[in-house]
PDB file of N, CA and C in Angstrom:
ATOM      1  N   MET A   1       0.844  -1.281  -0.008  1.00  0.00           N
ATOM      2  CA  MET A   1       0.080  -0.029  -0.077  1.00  0.00           C
ATOM      3  C   MET A   1       0.966   1.312  -0.080  1.00  0.00           C
ATOM      4  N   VAL A   2       0.552   2.272  -0.753  1.00  0.00           N
ATOM      5  CA  VAL A   2       1.250   3.497  -0.905  1.00  0.00           C
ATOM      6  C   VAL A   2       0.566   4.678  -0.377  1.00  0.00           C
ATOM      7  N   ARG A   3       0.837   5.365   0.640  1.00  0.00           N
ATOM      8  CA  ARG A   3       0.404   6.299   1.318  1.00  0.00           C
ATOM      9  C   ARG A   3       0.676   7.655   0.410  1.00  0.00           C
ATOM     10  N   LYS A   4      -0.595   8.428  -0.040  1.00  0.00           N
ATOM     11  CA  LYS A   4      -0.133   9.824  -0.635  1.00  0.00           C
ATOM     12  C   LYS A   4      -0.762  10.741   0.065  1.00  0.00           C
ATOM     13  N   ALA A   5       0.040  11.760   0.165  1.00  0.00           N
ATOM     14  CA  ALA A   5      -0.558  13.279   0.522  1.00  0.00           C
ATOM     15  C   ALA A   5      -0.245  14.186  -0.479  1.00  0.00           C
ATOM     16  N   PHE A   6      -1.199  15.230  -0.372  1.00  0.00           N
ATOM     17  CA  PHE A   6      -1.148  16.252  -1.438  1.00  0.00           C
ATOM     18  C   PHE A   6      -1.928  17.478  -0.872  1.00  0.00           C
ATOM     19  N   LYS A   7      -1.736  18.714  -1.515  1.00  0.00           N
ATOM     20  CA  LYS A   7      -2.540  19.863  -1.306  1.00  0.00           C
ATOM     21  C   LYS A   7      -3.060  20.425  -2.588  1.00  0.00           C
ATOM     22  N   MET A   8      -4.225  21.011  -2.378  1.00  0.00           N
ATOM     23  CA  MET A   8      -4.915  21.729  -3.468  1.00  0.00           C
ATOM     24  C   MET A   8      -5.404  23.204  -2.779  1.00  0.00           C
ATOM     25  N   PHE A   9      -6.095  23.799  -3.792  1.00  0.00           N
ATOM     26  CA  PHE A   9      -6.374  25.124  -3.371  1.00  0.00           C
ATOM     27  C   PHE A   9      -7.791  25.439  -3.733  1.00  0.00           C
ATOM     28  N   LEU A  10      -8.538  25.634  -2.629  1.00  0.00           N
ATOM     29  CA  LEU A  10     -10.078  26.131  -2.848  1.00  0.00           C
ATOM     30  C   LEU A  10     -10.046  27.785  -2.973  1.00  0.00           C
ATOM     31  N   ASN A  11     -11.047  28.196  -3.889  1.00  0.00           N
ATOM     32  CA  ASN A  11     -11.291  29.585  -3.879  1.00  0.00           C
ATOM     33  C   ASN A  11     -11.908  30.006  -2.530  1.00  0.00           C
ATOM     34  N   PRO A  12     -11.728  31.284  -2.299  1.00  0.00           N
ATOM     35  CA  PRO A  12     -12.298  31.778  -1.005  1.00  0.00           C
ATOM     36  C   PRO A  12     -13.897  31.828  -1.157  1.00  0.00           C
ATOM     37  N   GLY A  13     -14.568  31.454  -0.226  1.00  0.00           N
ATOM     38  CA  GLY A  13     -15.821  31.366   0.181  1.00  0.00           C
ATOM     39  C   GLY A  13     -16.568  30.275  -0.454  1.00  0.00           C
ATOM     40  N   MET A  14     -15.691  29.113  -0.721  1.00  0.00           N
ATOM     41  CA  MET A  14     -16.221  28.009  -1.359  1.00  0.00           C
ATOM     42  C   MET A  14     -16.227  26.586  -0.611  1.00  0.00           C
ATOM     43  N   ALA A  15     -15.852  26.794   0.796  1.00  0.00           N
ATOM     44  CA  ALA A  15     -15.761  25.732   1.749  1.00  0.00           C
ATOM     45  C   ALA A  15     -17.118  24.913   1.726  1.00  0.00           C
ATOM     46  N   GLU A  16     -18.180  25.574   2.012  1.00  0.00           N
ATOM     47  CA  GLU A  16     -19.464  24.922   2.229  1.00  0.00           C
ATOM     48  C   GLU A  16     -19.665  24.195   0.893  1.00  0.00           C
ATOM     49  N   GLU A  17     -19.787  24.822  -0.268  1.00  0.00           N
ATOM     50  CA  GLU A  17     -19.900  24.185  -1.532  1.00  0.00           C
ATOM     51  C   GLU A  17     -19.122  22.931  -1.829  1.00  0.00           C
ATOM     52  N   TYR A  18     -17.885  22.864  -1.432  1.00  0.00           N
ATOM     53  CA  TYR A  18     -16.864  22.027  -1.612  1.00  0.00           C
ATOM     54  C   TYR A  18     -17.167  20.690  -0.777  1.00  0.00           C
ATOM     55  N   GLU A  19     -17.562  20.978   0.483  1.00  0.00           N
ATOM     56  CA  GLU A  19     -18.208  19.860   1.254  1.00  0.00           C
ATOM     57  C   GLU A  19     -19.449  19.378   0.731  1.00  0.00           C
ATOM     58  N   LYS A  20     -20.427  20.223   0.378  1.00  0.00           N
ATOM     59  CA  LYS A  20     -21.598  19.736  -0.232  1.00  0.00           C
ATOM     60  C   LYS A  20     -21.517  18.820  -1.288  1.00  0.00           C
ATOM     61  N   ARG A  21     -20.563  19.252  -2.191  1.00  0.00           N
ATOM     62  CA  ARG A  21     -20.435  18.227  -3.401  1.00  0.00           C
ATOM     63  C   ARG A  21     -19.591  16.922  -3.060  1.00  0.00           C
ATOM     64  N   HIS A  22     -18.847  16.916  -1.836  1.00  0.00           N
ATOM     65  CA  HIS A  22     -18.421  15.612  -1.589  1.00  0.00           C
ATOM     66  C   HIS A  22     -19.257  14.840  -0.772  1.00  0.00           C
ATOM     67  N   ARG A  23     -20.172  15.508  -0.025  1.00  0.00           N
ATOM     68  CA  ARG A  23     -21.252  14.779   0.624  1.00  0.00           C
ATOM     69  C   ARG A  23     -21.996  13.932  -0.469  1.00  0.00           C
ATOM     70  N   GLU A  24     -22.147  14.475  -1.451  1.00  0.00           N
ATOM     71  CA  GLU A  24     -23.143  14.004  -2.575  1.00  0.00           C
ATOM     72  C   GLU A  24     -22.278  13.212  -3.720  1.00  0.00           C
ATOM     73  N   LEU A  25     -20.997  12.933  -3.178  1.00  0.00           N
ATOM     74  CA  LEU A  25     -20.182  12.305  -4.287  1.00  0.00           C
ATOM     75  C   LEU A  25     -20.916  11.312  -5.227  1.00  0.00           C
ATOM     76  N   TRP A  26     -20.667  11.373  -6.494  1.00  0.00           N
ATOM     77  CA  TRP A  26     -21.451  10.272  -7.294  1.00  0.00           C
ATOM     78  C   TRP A  26     -20.993   8.791  -7.078  1.00  0.00           C
ATOM     79  N   PRO A  27     -21.957   8.084  -7.081  1.00  0.00           N
ATOM     80  CA  PRO A  27     -21.521   6.608  -6.872  1.00  0.00           C
ATOM     81  C   PRO A  27     -20.485   5.965  -8.022  1.00  0.00           C
ATOM     82  N   GLU A  28     -20.441   6.460  -9.273  1.00  0.00           N
ATOM     83  CA  GLU A  28     -19.666   5.991 -10.216  1.00  0.00           C
ATOM     84  C   GLU A  28     -18.070   6.655  -9.880  1.00  0.00           C
ATOM     85  N   MET A  29     -18.137   7.930  -9.193  1.00  0.00           N
ATOM     86  CA  MET A  29     -16.781   8.189  -8.783  1.00  0.00           C
ATOM     87  C   MET A  29     -16.238   7.494  -7.543  1.00  0.00           C
ATOM     88  N   LYS A  30     -17.077   7.058  -6.571  1.00  0.00           N
ATOM     89  CA  LYS A  30     -16.565   6.213  -5.596  1.00  0.00           C
ATOM     90  C   LYS A  30     -16.225   4.733  -6.191  1.00  0.00           C
ATOM     91  N   GLU A  31     -16.991   4.321  -7.148  1.00  0.00           N
ATOM     92  CA  GLU A  31     -16.585   3.058  -7.780  1.00  0.00           C
ATOM     93  C   GLU A  31     -15.237   3.000  -8.494  1.00  0.00           C
ATOM     94  N   MET A  32     -15.086   4.393  -9.091  1.00  0.00           N
ATOM     95  CA  MET A  32     -13.734   4.397  -9.795  1.00  0.00           C
ATOM     96  C   MET A  32     -12.506   4.496  -9.050  1.00  0.00           C
ATOM     97  N   ILE A  33     -12.625   5.197  -7.804  1.00  0.00           N
ATOM     98  CA  ILE A  33     -11.746   5.375  -7.014  1.00  0.00           C
ATOM     99  C   ILE A  33     -11.198   3.936  -6.511  1.00  0.00           C
ATOM    100  N   HIS A  34     -12.314   3.117  -6.089  1.00  0.00           N
ATOM    101  CA  HIS A  34     -11.875   1.759  -5.577  1.00  0.00           C
ATOM    102  C   HIS A  34     -11.570   0.847  -6.680  1.00  0.00           C
ATOM    103  N   GLU A  35     -11.957   1.028  -7.916  1.00  0.00           N
ATOM    104  CA  GLU A  35     -11.551   0.104  -8.921  1.00  0.00           C
ATOM    105  C   GLU A  35     -10.139   0.321  -9.368  1.00  0.00           C
ATOM    106  N   TYR A  36      -9.634   1.653  -9.277  1.00  0.00           N
ATOM    107  CA  TYR A  36      -8.222   1.978  -9.486  1.00  0.00           C
ATOM    108  C   TYR A  36      -7.266   1.880  -8.219  1.00  0.00           C
ATOM    109  N   GLY A  37      -7.791   1.307  -7.234  1.00  0.00           N
ATOM    110  CA  GLY A  37      -6.933   0.898  -6.013  1.00  0.00           C
ATOM    111  C   GLY A  37      -6.781   1.774  -4.834  1.00  0.00           C
ATOM    112  N   GLY A  38      -7.790   2.766  -4.921  1.00  0.00           N
ATOM    113  CA  GLY A  38      -7.842   3.931  -3.916  1.00  0.00           C
ATOM    114  C   GLY A  38      -8.588   3.641  -2.711  1.00  0.00           C
ATOM    115  N   SER A  39      -8.155   3.861  -1.411  1.00  0.00           N
ATOM    116  CA  SER A  39      -8.915   3.630  -0.207  1.00  0.00           C
ATOM    117  C   SER A  39      -8.471   4.601   1.021  1.00  0.00           C
ATOM    118  N   ASN A  40      -9.262   4.680   1.934  1.00  0.00           N
ATOM    119  CA  ASN A  40      -8.798   5.333   3.140  1.00  0.00           C
ATOM    120  C   ASN A  40      -8.577   6.887   2.625  1.00  0.00           C
ATOM    121  N   TYR A  41      -9.565   7.595   1.727  1.00  0.00           N
ATOM    122  CA  TYR A  41      -9.243   8.712   1.297  1.00  0.00           C
ATOM    123  C   TYR A  41      -9.814   9.780   2.000  1.00  0.00           C
ATOM    124  N   SER A  42      -9.200  10.873   2.489  1.00  0.00           N
ATOM    125  CA  SER A  42      -9.660  11.933   3.283  1.00  0.00           C
ATOM    126  C   SER A  42      -9.037  13.208   2.811  1.00  0.00           C
ATOM    127  N   ILE A  43      -9.910  14.315   2.989  1.00  0.00           N
ATOM    128  CA  ILE A  43      -9.503  15.644   2.440  1.00  0.00           C
ATOM    129  C   ILE A  43      -9.851  16.574   3.590  1.00  0.00           C
ATOM    130  N   TYR A  44      -8.803  17.438   4.016  1.00  0.00           N
ATOM    131  CA  TYR A  44      -9.105  18.444   5.162  1.00  0.00           C
ATOM    132  C   TYR A  44      -8.813  19.732   4.749  1.00  0.00           C
ATOM    133  N   LEU A  45      -9.684  20.874   5.401  1.00  0.00           N
ATOM    134  CA  LEU A  45      -9.507  22.094   4.686  1.00  0.00           C
ATOM    135  C   LEU A  45      -8.744  22.982   5.958  1.00  0.00           C
ATOM    136  N   ASP A  46      -7.669  23.748   5.618  1.00  0.00           N
ATOM    137  CA  ASP A  46      -7.117  24.843   6.424  1.00  0.00           C
ATOM    138  C   ASP A  46      -8.023  26.025   6.195  1.00  0.00           C
ATOM    139  N   GLN A  47      -8.946  26.355   7.024  1.00  0.00           N
ATOM    140  CA  GLN A  47      -9.823  27.429   6.867  1.00  0.00           C
ATOM    141  C   GLN A  47      -9.300  28.761   6.706  1.00  0.00           C
ATOM    142  N   GLU A  48      -8.004  28.847   7.356  1.00  0.00           N
ATOM    143  CA  GLU A  48      -7.256  30.295   7.200  1.00  0.00           C
ATOM    144  C   GLU A  48      -6.819  30.482   5.898  1.00  0.00           C
ATOM    145  N   THR A  49      -6.373  29.317   5.125  1.00  0.00           N
ATOM    146  CA  THR A  49      -5.583  29.556   4.010  1.00  0.00           C
ATOM    147  C   THR A  49      -6.314  29.118   2.665  1.00  0.00           C
ATOM    148  N   ASN A  50      -7.468  28.394   2.928  1.00  0.00           N
ATOM    149  CA  ASN A  50      -8.201  27.804   1.861  1.00  0.00           C
ATOM    150  C   ASN A  50      -7.221  26.713   1.071  1.00  0.00           C
ATOM    151  N   ILE A  51      -6.361  26.081   1.878  1.00  0.00           N
ATOM    152  CA  ILE A  51      -5.644  24.959   1.294  1.00  0.00           C
ATOM    153  C   ILE A  51      -6.259  23.615   1.848  1.00  0.00           C
ATOM    154  N   LEU A  52      -6.419  22.838   0.786  1.00  0.00           N
ATOM    155  CA  LEU A  52      -7.114  21.492   1.102  1.00  0.00           C
ATOM    156  C   LEU A  52      -5.742  20.478   1.048  1.00  0.00           C
ATOM    157  N   TYR A  53      -6.061  19.583   2.120  1.00  0.00           N
ATOM    158  CA  TYR A  53      -4.855  18.826   2.376  1.00  0.00           C
ATOM    159  C   TYR A  53      -5.663  17.242   2.296  1.00  0.00           C
ATOM    160  N   GLY A  54      -5.032  16.567   1.222  1.00  0.00           N
ATOM    161  CA  GLY A  54      -5.691  15.058   0.864  1.00  0.00           C
ATOM    162  C   GLY A  54      -4.729  13.990   1.379  1.00  0.00           C
ATOM    163  N   TYR A  55      -5.425  12.918   1.925  1.00  0.00           N
ATOM    164  CA  TYR A  55      -4.429  11.799   1.982  1.00  0.00           C
ATOM    165  C   TYR A  55      -5.399  10.675   1.463  1.00  0.00           C
ATOM    166  N   LEU A  56      -4.474   9.683   0.749  1.00  0.00           N
ATOM    167  CA  LEU A  56      -5.126   8.622   0.110  1.00  0.00           C
ATOM    168  C   LEU A  56      -4.087   7.286   0.004  1.00  0.00           C
ATOM    169  N   GLU A  57      -4.576   6.241   0.267  1.00  0.00           N
ATOM    170  CA  GLU A  57      -3.870   5.120   0.125  1.00  0.00           C
ATOM    171  C   GLU A  57      -4.233   4.413  -1.115  1.00  0.00           C
ATOM    172  N   VAL A  58      -3.160   3.852  -2.152  1.00  0.00           N
ATOM    173  CA  VAL A  58      -3.525   3.228  -3.275  1.00  0.00           C
ATOM    174  C   VAL A  58      -2.510   1.800  -3.387  1.00  0.00           C
ATOM    175  N   GLU A  59      -3.037   1.107  -4.057  1.00  0.00           N
ATOM    176  CA  GLU A  59      -2.354  -0.301  -4.121  1.00  0.00           C
ATOM    177  C   GLU A  59      -1.123  -0.229  -5.078  1.00  0.00           C
ATOM    178  N   ASP A  60      -1.366   0.578  -6.104  1.00  0.00           N
ATOM    179  CA  ASP A  60      -0.235   0.751  -7.229  1.00  0.00           C
ATOM    180  C   ASP A  60      -0.188   2.048  -7.642  1.00  0.00           C
ATOM    181  N   GLU A  61       0.919   2.779  -7.564  1.00  0.00           N
ATOM    182  CA  GLU A  61       0.818   4.179  -7.968  1.00  0.00           C
ATOM    183  C   GLU A  61       0.752   4.415  -9.555  1.00  0.00           C
ATOM    184  N   GLU A  62       1.114   3.340 -10.280  1.00  0.00           N
ATOM    185  CA  GLU A  62       0.968   3.398 -11.652  1.00  0.00           C
ATOM    186  C   GLU A  62      -0.489   3.244 -11.925  1.00  0.00           C
ATOM    187  N   ARG A  63      -1.151   2.213 -11.550  1.00  0.00           N
ATOM    188  CA  ARG A  63      -2.567   2.103 -11.695  1.00  0.00           C
ATOM    189  C   ARG A  63      -3.393   3.280 -11.236  1.00  0.00           C
ATOM    190  N   TRP A  64      -3.065   3.882 -10.167  1.00  0.00           N
ATOM    191  CA  TRP A  64      -3.956   4.762  -9.683  1.00  0.00           C
ATOM    192  C   TRP A  64      -3.681   5.921 -10.572  1.00  0.00           C
ATOM    193  N   SER A  65      -2.412   6.395 -11.300  1.00  0.00           N
ATOM    194  CA  SER A  65      -2.403   7.408 -12.093  1.00  0.00           C
ATOM    195  C   SER A  65      -3.314   7.475 -13.367  1.00  0.00           C
ATOM    196  N   GLN A  66      -3.501   6.222 -13.589  1.00  0.00           N
ATOM    197  CA  GLN A  66      -4.347   5.878 -14.878  1.00  0.00           C
ATOM    198  C   GLN A  66      -5.715   6.398 -14.644  1.00  0.00           C
ATOM    199  N   SER A  67      -6.246   6.509 -13.365  1.00  0.00           N
ATOM    200  CA  SER A  67      -7.500   7.002 -13.175  1.00  0.00           C
ATOM    201  C   SER A  67      -7.744   8.528 -13.628  1.00  0.00           C
ATOM    202  N   ALA A  68      -6.852   9.049 -13.758  1.00  0.00           N
ATOM    203  CA  ALA A  68      -7.168  10.434 -14.174  1.00  0.00           C
ATOM    204  C   ALA A  68      -7.472  10.617 -15.581  1.00  0.00           C
ATOM    205  N   ASP A  69      -7.504   9.666 -16.336  1.00  0.00           N
ATOM    206  CA  ASP A  69      -8.021   9.627 -17.744  1.00  0.00           C
ATOM    207  C   ASP A  69      -9.161   8.982 -17.970  1.00  0.00           C
ATOM    208  N   THR A  70      -9.856   8.624 -16.753  1.00  0.00           N
ATOM    209  CA  THR A  70     -11.117   8.006 -16.814  1.00  0.00           C
ATOM    210  C   THR A  70     -12.314   9.089 -17.068  1.00  0.00           C
ATOM    211  N   PRO A  71     -13.353   8.858 -17.905  1.00  0.00           N
ATOM    212  CA  PRO A  71     -14.358   9.781 -18.303  1.00  0.00           C
ATOM    213  C   PRO A  71     -15.111  10.435 -17.001  1.00  0.00           C
ATOM    214  N   VAL A  72     -15.185   9.399 -16.012  1.00  0.00           N
ATOM    215  CA  VAL A  72     -15.786  10.016 -14.835  1.00  0.00           C
ATOM    216  C   VAL A  72     -14.935  11.020 -14.019  1.00  0.00           C
ATOM    217  N   ASN A  73     -13.841  10.715 -13.932  1.00  0.00           N
ATOM    218  CA  ASN A  73     -12.823  11.711 -13.294  1.00  0.00           C
ATOM    219  C   ASN A  73     -12.674  13.023 -13.982  1.00  0.00           C
ATOM    220  N   ARG A  74     -12.858  12.926 -15.484  1.00  0.00           N
ATOM    221  CA  ARG A  74     -12.611  14.115 -16.198  1.00  0.00           C
ATOM    222  C   ARG A  74     -13.913  15.073 -15.894  1.00  0.00           C
ATOM    223  N   LYS A  75     -15.087  14.234 -15.857  1.00  0.00           N
ATOM    224  CA  LYS A  75     -16.256  14.956 -15.576  1.00  0.00           C
ATOM    225  C   LYS A  75     -16.229  15.417 -14.123  1.00  0.00           C
ATOM    226  N   TRP A  76     -15.695  14.857 -13.272  1.00  0.00           N
ATOM    227  CA  TRP A  76     -15.550  15.551 -11.849  1.00  0.00           C
ATOM    228  C   TRP A  76     -14.718  16.700 -11.833  1.00  0.00           C
ATOM    229  N   TRP A  77     -13.605  16.704 -12.586  1.00  0.00           N
ATOM    230  CA  TRP A  77     -12.713  17.797 -12.643  1.00  0.00           C
ATOM    231  C   TRP A  77     -13.536  19.199 -13.059  1.00  0.00           C
ATOM    232  N   ASP A  78     -14.288  18.813 -14.114  1.00  0.00           N
ATOM    233  CA  ASP A  78     -15.221  19.724 -14.867  1.00  0.00           C
ATOM    234  C   ASP A  78     -16.138  20.356 -13.937  1.00  0.00           C
ATOM    235  N   TYR A  79     -16.699  19.651 -12.935  1.00  0.00           N
ATOM    236  CA  TYR A  79     -17.690  20.007 -12.146  1.00  0.00           C
ATOM    237  C   TYR A  79     -17.094  20.841 -11.111  1.00  0.00           C
ATOM    238  N   MET A  80     -15.945  20.424 -10.557  1.00  0.00           N
ATOM    239  CA  MET A  80     -15.176  21.127  -9.299  1.00  0.00           C
ATOM    240  C   MET A  80     -14.472  22.353  -9.825  1.00  0.00           C
ATOM    241  N   ALA A  81     -14.249  22.578 -11.187  1.00  0.00           N
ATOM    242  CA  ALA A  81     -13.380  23.617 -11.714  1.00  0.00           C
ATOM    243  C   ALA A  81     -13.741  25.030 -11.285  1.00  0.00           C
ATOM    244  N   ASP A  82     -15.047  25.263 -10.992  1.00  0.00           N
ATOM    245  CA  ASP A  82     -15.493  26.574 -10.505  1.00  0.00           C
ATOM    246  C   ASP A  82     -15.415  26.962  -9.180  1.00  0.00           C
ATOM    247  N   ILE A  83     -14.942  25.993  -8.295  1.00  0.00           N
ATOM    248  CA  ILE A  83     -14.623  26.514  -6.894  1.00  0.00           C
ATOM    249  C   ILE A  83     -13.318  26.259  -6.445  1.00  0.00           C
ATOM    250  N   MET A  84     -12.378  25.857  -7.377  1.00  0.00           N
ATOM    251  CA  MET A  84     -10.936  25.555  -6.873  1.00  0.00           C
ATOM    252  C   MET A  84     -10.129  26.000  -8.055  1.00  0.00           C
ATOM    253  N   GLU A  85      -8.730  25.984  -7.363  1.00  0.00           N
ATOM    254  CA  GLU A  85      -7.642  26.362  -8.482  1.00  0.00           C
ATOM    255  C   GLU A  85      -7.345  25.190  -9.362  1.00  0.00           C
ATOM    256  N   THR A  86      -7.289  25.540 -10.594  1.00  0.00           N
ATOM    257  CA  THR A  86      -7.129  24.296 -11.717  1.00  0.00           C
ATOM    258  C   THR A  86      -6.131  24.825 -12.805  1.00  0.00           C
ATOM    259  N   ASN A  87      -5.800  23.552 -13.323  1.00  0.00           N
ATOM    260  CA  ASN A  87      -4.805  23.615 -14.456  1.00  0.00           C
ATOM    261  C   ASN A  87      -5.746  23.766 -15.765  1.00  0.00           C
ATOM    262  N   GLU A  88      -5.062  23.978 -16.941  1.00  0.00           N
ATOM    263  CA  GLU A  88      -5.887  24.170 -18.253  1.00  0.00           C
ATOM    264  C   GLU A  88      -6.792  23.201 -18.620  1.00  0.00           C
ATOM    265  N   ASP A  89      -6.632  21.867 -18.120  1.00  0.00           N
ATOM    266  CA  ASP A  89      -7.528  20.862 -18.340  1.00  0.00           C
ATOM    267  C   ASP A  89      -8.553  20.614 -17.255  1.00  0.00           C
ATOM    268  N   ASN A  90      -8.645  21.561 -16.468  1.00  0.00           N
ATOM    269  CA  ASN A  90      -9.560  21.479 -15.201  1.00  0.00           C
ATOM    270  C   ASN A  90      -8.975  20.355 -14.130  1.00  0.00           C
ATOM    271  N   SER A  91      -7.980  19.790 -14.238  1.00  0.00           N
ATOM    272  CA  SER A  91      -7.538  19.039 -13.005  1.00  0.00           C
ATOM    273  C   SER A  91      -7.117  19.966 -12.103  1.00  0.00           C
ATOM    274  N   PRO A  92      -7.302  19.700 -10.757  1.00  0.00           N
ATOM    275  CA  PRO A  92      -6.949  20.573  -9.734  1.00  0.00           C
ATOM    276  C   PRO A  92      -5.371  20.872  -9.604  1.00  0.00           C
ATOM    277  N   VAL A  93      -5.001  22.049  -9.280  1.00  0.00           N
ATOM    278  CA  VAL A  93      -3.626  22.079  -9.193  1.00  0.00           C
ATOM    279  C   VAL A  93      -3.449  21.482  -7.713  1.00  0.00           C
ATOM    280  N   CYS A  94      -2.372  20.484  -7.926  1.00  0.00           N
ATOM    281  CA  CYS A  94      -2.268  19.676  -6.869  1.00  0.00           C
ATOM    282  C   CYS A  94      -0.687  19.277  -6.595  1.00  0.00           C
ATOM    283  N   ILE A  95      -0.263  19.668  -5.436  1.00  0.00           N
ATOM    284  CA  ILE A  95       1.134  19.458  -5.141  1.00  0.00           C
ATOM    285  C   ILE A  95       1.277  18.312  -4.019  1.00  0.00           C
ATOM    286  N   ASP A  96       2.032  17.469  -4.417  1.00  0.00           N
ATOM    287  CA  ASP A  96       2.421  16.353  -3.637  1.00  0.00           C
ATOM    288  C   ASP A  96       3.055  16.599  -2.321  1.00  0.00           C
ATOM    289  N   LEU A  97       2.809  16.091  -1.343  1.00  0.00           N
ATOM    290  CA  LEU A  97       3.576  16.386   0.024  1.00  0.00           C
ATOM    291  C   LEU A  97       4.795  15.395   0.263  1.00  0.00           C
ATOM    292  N   THR A  98       5.769  15.675   0.664  1.00  0.00           N
ATOM    293  CA  THR A  98       6.902  14.755   1.088  1.00  0.00           C
ATOM    294  C   THR A  98       6.763  14.055   2.396  1.00  0.00           C
ATOM    295  N   PRO A  99       6.669  12.874   2.475  1.00  0.00           N
ATOM    296  CA  PRO A  99       6.488  12.139   3.689  1.00  0.00           C
ATOM    297  C   PRO A  99       7.803  12.303   4.640  1.00  0.00           C
ATOM    298  N   VAL A 100       7.663  12.667   5.802  1.00  0.00           N
ATOM    299  CA  VAL A 100       8.784  12.806   6.887  1.00  0.00           C
ATOM    300  C   VAL A 100       8.613  12.014   8.096  1.00  0.00           C
ATOM    301  N   PHE A 101       7.468  11.326   8.341  1.00  0.00           N
ATOM    302  CA  PHE A 101       7.272  10.552   9.406  1.00  0.00           C
ATOM    303  C   PHE A 101       6.039   9.782   9.187  1.00  0.00           C
ATOM    304  N   HIS A 102       6.133   8.730   9.805  1.00  0.00           N
ATOM    305  CA  HIS A 102       4.915   7.825   9.875  1.00  0.00           C
ATOM    306  C   HIS A 102       5.165   6.811  10.920  1.00  0.00           C
ATOM    307  N   LEU A 103       3.986   6.434  11.823  1.00  0.00           N
ATOM    308  CA  LEU A 103       4.039   5.614  13.056  1.00  0.00           C
ATOM    309  C   LEU A 103       2.830   4.662  12.746  1.00  0.00           C
ATOM    310  N   ASP A 104       2.919   3.505  12.801  1.00  0.00           N
ATOM    311  CA  ASP A 104       1.667   2.546  12.682  1.00  0.00           C
ATOM    312  C   ASP A 104       1.319   2.257  14.414  1.00  0.00           C
TER     313      ASP A 104
END
Protein backbone atom coordinates (compact mmCIF):
# COMPACT_ATOMS: atom_id res chain seq x y z
CA MET A 1 0.00 0.00 0.00
CA VAL A 2 1.31 3.45 -0.97
CA ARG A 3 0.34 6.41 1.23
CA LYS A 4 -0.08 9.68 -0.69
CA ALA A 5 -0.59 13.18 0.68
CA PHE A 6 -1.14 16.33 -1.35
CA LYS A 7 -2.50 19.85 -1.24
CA MET A 8 -4.96 21.68 -3.46
CA PHE A 9 -6.32 25.22 -3.38
CA LEU A 10 -9.95 26.14 -2.76
CA ASN A 11 -11.34 29.46 -3.95
CA PRO A 12 -12.30 31.83 -1.11
CA GLY A 13 -15.84 31.40 0.17
CA MET A 14 -16.27 27.95 -1.40
CA ALA A 15 -15.75 25.69 1.64
CA GLU A 16 -19.45 24.98 2.15
CA GLU A 17 -19.99 24.17 -1.54
CA TYR A 18 -16.89 21.96 -1.62
CA GLU A 19 -18.16 19.96 1.35
CA LYS A 20 -21.65 19.72 -0.17
CA ARG A 21 -20.34 18.33 -3.45
CA HIS A 22 -18.27 15.73 -1.61
CA ARG A 23 -21.18 14.71 0.62
CA GLU A 24 -23.03 14.03 -2.64
CA LEU A 25 -20.08 12.29 -4.32
CA TRP A 26 -21.36 10.41 -7.35
CA PRO A 27 -21.59 6.62 -6.91
CA GLU A 28 -19.66 6.13 -10.15
CA MET A 29 -16.83 8.30 -8.79
CA LYS A 30 -16.65 6.21 -5.61
CA GLU A 31 -16.57 3.06 -7.75
CA MET A 32 -13.78 4.44 -9.93
CA ILE A 33 -11.65 5.34 -6.90
CA HIS A 34 -11.95 1.80 -5.56
CA GLU A 35 -11.55 0.20 -9.00
CA TYR A 36 -8.21 1.96 -9.44
CA GLY A 37 -6.98 0.90 -6.00
CA GLY A 38 -7.77 3.97 -3.90
CA SER A 39 -8.90 3.66 -0.28
CA ASN A 40 -8.82 5.46 3.05
CA TYR A 41 -9.28 8.79 1.23
CA SER A 42 -9.62 11.94 3.34
CA ILE A 43 -9.51 15.65 2.53
CA TYR A 44 -9.03 18.37 5.16
CA LEU A 45 -9.44 22.13 4.84
CA ASP A 46 -7.26 24.78 6.47
CA GLN A 47 -9.89 27.51 6.74
CA GLU A 48 -7.30 30.25 7.26
CA THR A 49 -5.54 29.60 3.94
CA ASN A 50 -8.19 27.75 1.86
CA ILE A 51 -5.66 24.98 1.32
CA LEU A 52 -7.08 21.47 1.05
CA TYR A 53 -4.92 18.62 2.32
CA GLY A 54 -5.64 15.19 0.93
CA TYR A 55 -4.58 11.75 2.12
CA LEU A 56 -5.09 8.58 0.11
CA GLU A 57 -3.82 5.03 0.13
CA VAL A 58 -3.35 3.31 -3.24
CA GLU A 59 -2.49 -0.26 -4.13
CA ASP A 60 -0.29 0.68 -7.08
CA GLU A 61 0.81 4.21 -7.97
CA GLU A 62 0.96 3.52 -11.72
CA ARG A 63 -2.56 2.07 -11.73
CA TRP A 64 -3.82 5.02 -9.67
CA SER A 65 -2.33 7.53 -12.11
CA GLN A 66 -4.43 5.94 -14.88
CA SER A 67 -7.62 6.98 -13.04
CA ALA A 68 -7.02 10.59 -14.11
CA ASP A 69 -7.98 9.71 -17.69
CA THR A 70 -11.29 8.03 -16.90
CA PRO A 71 -14.43 9.76 -18.21
CA VAL A 72 -15.95 10.04 -14.72
CA ASN A 73 -12.80 11.66 -13.32
CA ARG A 74 -12.67 14.18 -16.17
CA LYS A 75 -16.35 14.95 -15.57
CA TRP A 76 -15.62 15.46 -11.84
CA TRP A 77 -12.77 17.84 -12.61
CA ASP A 78 -15.07 19.88 -14.85
CA TYR A 79 -17.73 19.92 -12.11
CA MET A 80 -15.25 21.16 -9.48
CA ALA A 81 -13.36 23.68 -11.65
CA ASP A 82 -15.51 26.66 -10.65
CA ILE A 83 -14.65 26.41 -6.95
CA MET A 84 -10.94 25.60 -6.89
CA GLU A 85 -7.65 26.43 -8.56
CA THR A 86 -7.23 24.30 -11.68
CA ASN A 87 -4.88 23.63 -14.57
CA GLU A 88 -5.88 24.22 -18.20
CA ASP A 89 -7.47 20.74 -18.43
CA ASN A 90 -9.56 21.48 -15.29
CA SER A 91 -7.48 19.10 -13.17
CA PRO A 92 -6.97 20.59 -9.73
CA VAL A 93 -3.65 22.23 -9.05
CA CYS A 94 -2.26 19.50 -6.83
CA ILE A 95 1.10 19.46 -5.07
CA ASP A 96 2.38 16.20 -3.61
CA LEU A 97 3.60 16.44 -0.03
CA THR A 98 6.84 14.78 1.04
CA PRO A 99 6.49 12.18 3.78
CA VAL A 100 8.76 12.87 6.75
CA PHE A 101 7.33 10.62 9.49
CA HIS A 102 4.94 7.69 9.87
CA LEU A 103 3.99 5.58 12.89
CA ASP A 104 1.70 2.54 12.77
